[in-house]
Amino acid sequence: MKTNMGVLDRIVRAIFALVVLVLYLSHQLSGTTFIILAVLSIVFLITAFIGFCPLYVPLKINTKK
């Protein structure tokens, strides 16, 4: 499994997850919206941590320079 995510891509994903967490803790998100965004945030954090996005493979995207 080769990494296919650049630093900026990984940072943006982590920031998205952090924003979702902050919005939840400030009671701006709740219910189904929060659940969907929380699952997406978890996936974003995992892919940012390992540096590999499986969706990029069939789309032939590589943000790593």
C-alpha atoms as a PDB file:
ATOM      1  CA  MET A   1       0.000   0.000   0.000  1.00  0.00           C
ATOM      2  CA  LYS A   2       1.720   3.163  -1.233  1.00  0.00           C
ATOM      3  CA  THR A   3       0.843   6.502   0.286  1.00  0.00           C
ATOM      4  CA  ASN A   4      -1.124   8.678  -2.090  1.00  0.00           C
ATOM      5  CA  MET A   5      -1.947  11.685   0.089  1.00  0.00           C
ATOM      6  CA  GLY A   6       0.139  14.799   0.394  1.00  0.00           C
ATOM      7  CA  VAL A   7       0.699  16.828   3.532  1.00  0.00           C
ATOM      8  CA  LEU A   8      -1.903  19.470   2.686  1.00  0.00           C
ATOM      9  CA  ASP A   9      -4.525  16.809   1.964  1.00  0.00           C
ATOM     10  CA  ARG A  10      -3.833  15.141   5.298  1.00  0.00           C
ATOM     11  CA  ILE A  11      -3.982  18.442   7.196  1.00  0.00           C
ATOM     12  CA  VAL A  12      -7.299  19.427   5.592  1.00  0.00           C
ATOM     13  CA  ARG A  13      -8.832  16.090   6.580  1.00  0.00           C
ATOM     14  CA  ALA A  14      -7.652  16.457  10.174  1.00  0.00           C
ATOM     15  CA  ILE A  15      -8.974  20.022  10.361  1.00  0.00           C
ATOM     16  CA  PHE A  16     -12.362  18.859   9.037  1.00  0.00           C
ATOM     17  CA  ALA A  17     -12.556  16.250  11.803  1.00  0.00           C
ATOM     18  CA  LEU A  18     -11.581  18.845  14.398  1.00  0.00           C
ATOM     19  CA  VAL A  19     -14.246  21.276  13.151  1.00  0.00           C
ATOM     20  CA  VAL A  20     -16.917  18.569  13.386  1.00  0.00           C
ATOM     21  CA  LEU A  21     -15.837  17.832  16.956  1.00  0.00           C
ATOM     22  CA  VAL A  22     -15.909  21.511  17.934  1.00  0.00           C
ATOM     23  CA  LEU A  23     -19.346  21.984  16.379  1.00  0.00           C
ATOM     24  CA  TYR A  24     -20.646  18.959  18.268  1.00  0.00           C
ATOM     25  CA  LEU A  25     -19.192  20.123  21.580  1.00  0.00           C
ATOM     26  CA  SER A  26     -20.701  23.594  21.078  1.00  0.00           C
ATOM     27  CA  HIS A  27     -24.103  21.956  20.428  1.00  0.00           C
ATOM     28  CA  GLN A  28     -24.280  23.145  16.822  1.00  0.00           C
ATOM     29  CA  LEU A  29     -24.501  19.580  15.477  1.00  0.00           C
ATOM     30  CA  SER A  30     -26.727  16.795  16.681  1.00  0.00           C
ATOM     31  CA  GLY A  31     -28.781  13.846  15.545  1.00  0.00           C
ATOM     32  CA  THR A  32     -28.373  12.259  12.148  1.00  0.00           C
ATOM     33  CA  THR A  33     -26.234  15.096  10.799  1.00  0.00           C
ATOM     34  CA  PHE A  34     -23.695  14.585  13.548  1.00  0.00           C
ATOM     35  CA  ILE A  35     -23.644  10.815  13.116  1.00  0.00           C
ATOM     36  CA  ILE A  36     -22.969  11.083   9.375  1.00  0.00           C
ATOM     37  CA  LEU A  37     -20.279  13.725   9.848  1.00  0.00           C
ATOM     38  CA  ALA A  38     -18.725  11.797  12.751  1.00  0.00           C
ATOM     39  CA  VAL A  39     -18.366   8.648  10.644  1.00  0.00           C
ATOM     40  CA  LEU A  40     -16.884  10.696   7.803  1.00  0.00           C
ATOM     41  CA  SER A  41     -14.513  12.389  10.251  1.00  0.00           C
ATOM     42  CA  ILE A  42     -13.322   9.045  11.600  1.00  0.00           C
ATOM     43  CA  VAL A  43     -12.614   7.834   8.072  1.00  0.00           C
ATOM     44  CA  PHE A  44     -10.810  11.104   7.301  1.00  0.00           C
ATOM     45  CA  LEU A  45      -8.677  10.787  10.440  1.00  0.00           C
ATOM     46  CA  ILE A  46      -7.723   7.201   9.665  1.00  0.00           C
ATOM     47  CA  THR A  47      -6.797   7.991   6.065  1.00  0.00           C
ATOM     48  CA  ALA A  48      -4.892  11.108   7.148  1.00  0.00           C
ATOM     49  CA  PHE A  49      -2.964   9.098   9.718  1.00  0.00           C
ATOM     50  CA  ILE A  50      -1.936   6.317   7.338  1.00  0.00           C
ATOM     51  CA  GLY A  51      -1.560   8.597   4.297  1.00  0.00           C
ATOM     52  CA  PHE A  52      -3.551   6.352   1.989  1.00  0.00           C
ATOM     53  CA  CYS A  53      -7.027   6.937   0.557  1.00  0.00           C
ATOM     54  CA  PRO A  54      -8.571   3.872  -1.133  1.00  0.00           C
ATOM     55  CA  LEU A  55     -10.948   6.072  -3.137  1.00  0.00           C
ATOM     56  CA  TYR A  56      -7.989   7.771  -4.812  1.00  0.00           C
ATOM     57  CA  VAL A  57      -6.794   4.496  -6.397  1.00  0.00           C
ATOM     58  CA  PRO A  58      -9.633   3.912  -8.929  1.00  0.00           C
ATOM     59  CA  LEU A  59      -9.785   7.652  -9.615  1.00  0.00           C
ATOM     60  CA  LYS A  60      -6.013   7.723 -10.180  1.00  0.00           C
ATOM     61  CA  ILE A  61      -5.514  10.661  -7.814  1.00  0.00           C
ATOM     62  CA  ASN A  62      -2.223  11.231  -6.045  1.00  0.00           C
ATOM     63  CA  THR A  63      -1.755  14.393  -3.991  1.00  0.00           C
ATOM     64  CA  LYS A  64       1.671  13.349  -2.744  1.00  0.00           C
ATOM     65  CA  LYS A  65       4.474  15.183  -4.476  1.00  0.00           C
END
